[in-house]
Amino acid sequence: MNSKKGALRNRKAWSTTTDEELYALFKKLSIDTRIPLTKLLDEAIKDLLIKYKVPEMTQHNEIDPVIEKGKTISKTKS
């Protein structure tokens, strides 16, 4: 485990580029909902993994945190 001060736990820092218009809308969504960009991005990535039927994600999604109005709640899949 990385013991550096300020190290991320259970997170991966990475960099990417995106369409400027998409980013502006994404940023506005974050501001309007008061949900951090990282949480929204996690949710979007999970949705894509489920959409493309990635087996590990489908199995992992049985109990999945759902972001609703800026709060994290647990949702049990029925």
Protein backbone atom coordinates (compact mmCIF):
# COMPACT_ATOMS: atom_id res chain seq x y z
CA MET A 1 0.00 0.00 0.00
CA ASN A 2 1.20 3.47 -0.81
CA SER A 3 1.96 5.39 2.38
CA LYS A 4 2.69 8.76 0.75
CA LYS A 5 0.89 11.72 2.25
CA GLY A 6 -2.20 12.48 0.20
CA ALA A 7 -2.18 9.08 -1.53
CA LEU A 8 -5.48 7.98 -3.04
CA ARG A 9 -7.09 4.95 -1.46
CA ASN A 10 -9.11 2.72 -3.75
CA ARG A 11 -8.88 5.36 -6.50
CA LYS A 12 -6.82 5.60 -9.68
CA ALA A 13 -5.59 8.98 -10.86
CA TRP A 14 -5.65 9.28 -14.64
CA SER A 15 -5.80 11.90 -17.32
CA THR A 16 -7.89 12.16 -20.47
CA THR A 17 -9.18 14.61 -23.03
CA THR A 18 -12.78 15.12 -24.03
CA ASP A 19 -14.97 17.22 -26.25
CA GLU A 20 -15.11 20.79 -24.88
CA GLU A 21 -18.89 21.01 -25.16
CA LEU A 22 -19.38 17.68 -23.37
CA TYR A 23 -17.03 18.78 -20.61
CA ALA A 24 -18.88 22.11 -20.16
CA LEU A 25 -22.21 20.28 -19.84
CA PHE A 26 -20.65 17.72 -17.49
CA LYS A 27 -19.20 20.48 -15.30
CA LYS A 28 -22.57 22.31 -15.25
CA LEU A 29 -24.30 19.09 -14.20
CA SER A 30 -21.84 18.74 -11.34
CA ILE A 31 -22.43 22.31 -10.21
CA ASP A 32 -26.22 22.11 -10.58
CA THR A 33 -26.51 18.80 -8.71
CA ARG A 34 -23.68 19.50 -6.26
CA ILE A 35 -22.30 16.05 -7.07
CA PRO A 36 -18.51 15.96 -7.56
CA LEU A 37 -17.25 15.28 -11.09
CA THR A 38 -15.48 12.14 -9.87
CA LYS A 39 -18.73 10.66 -8.53
CA LEU A 40 -20.58 11.46 -11.75
CA LEU A 41 -17.76 9.94 -13.80
CA ASP A 42 -17.78 6.77 -11.67
CA GLU A 43 -21.53 6.47 -12.27
CA ALA A 44 -21.12 6.99 -16.04
CA ILE A 45 -18.35 4.40 -16.28
CA LYS A 46 -20.42 1.87 -14.31
CA ASP A 47 -23.38 2.48 -16.63
CA LEU A 48 -21.18 1.90 -19.70
CA LEU A 49 -19.75 -1.31 -18.25
CA ILE A 50 -23.26 -2.60 -17.59
CA LYS A 51 -24.46 -1.47 -21.05
CA TYR A 52 -21.66 -3.40 -22.74
CA LYS A 53 -22.26 -6.39 -20.45
CA VAL A 54 -18.83 -6.55 -18.85
CA PRO A 55 -19.24 -9.71 -16.70
CA GLU A 56 -17.26 -8.42 -13.74
CA MET A 57 -19.42 -5.28 -13.57
CA THR A 58 -22.71 -7.15 -13.88
CA GLN A 59 -21.69 -9.33 -10.94
CA HIS A 60 -20.35 -6.33 -8.96
CA ASN A 61 -23.59 -4.41 -9.52
CA GLU A 62 -25.73 -6.67 -7.32
CA ILE A 63 -25.34 -4.14 -4.50
CA ASP A 64 -24.43 -0.84 -6.06
CA PRO A 65 -24.14 2.65 -4.57
CA VAL A 66 -26.51 4.98 -6.38
CA ILE A 67 -26.02 8.71 -6.52
CA GLU A 68 -29.28 10.55 -5.97
CA LYS A 69 -29.51 14.29 -5.42
CA GLY A 70 -25.92 14.50 -4.19
CA LYS A 71 -26.26 11.69 -1.65
CA THR A 72 -24.94 8.16 -1.82
CA ILE A 73 -27.50 5.52 -0.91
CA SER A 74 -27.40 1.74 -1.16
CA LYS A 75 -29.66 0.01 -3.61
CA THR A 76 -30.19 -3.73 -3.57
CA LYS A 77 -30.86 -5.19 -7.00
CA SER A 78 -33.98 -7.37 -7.05
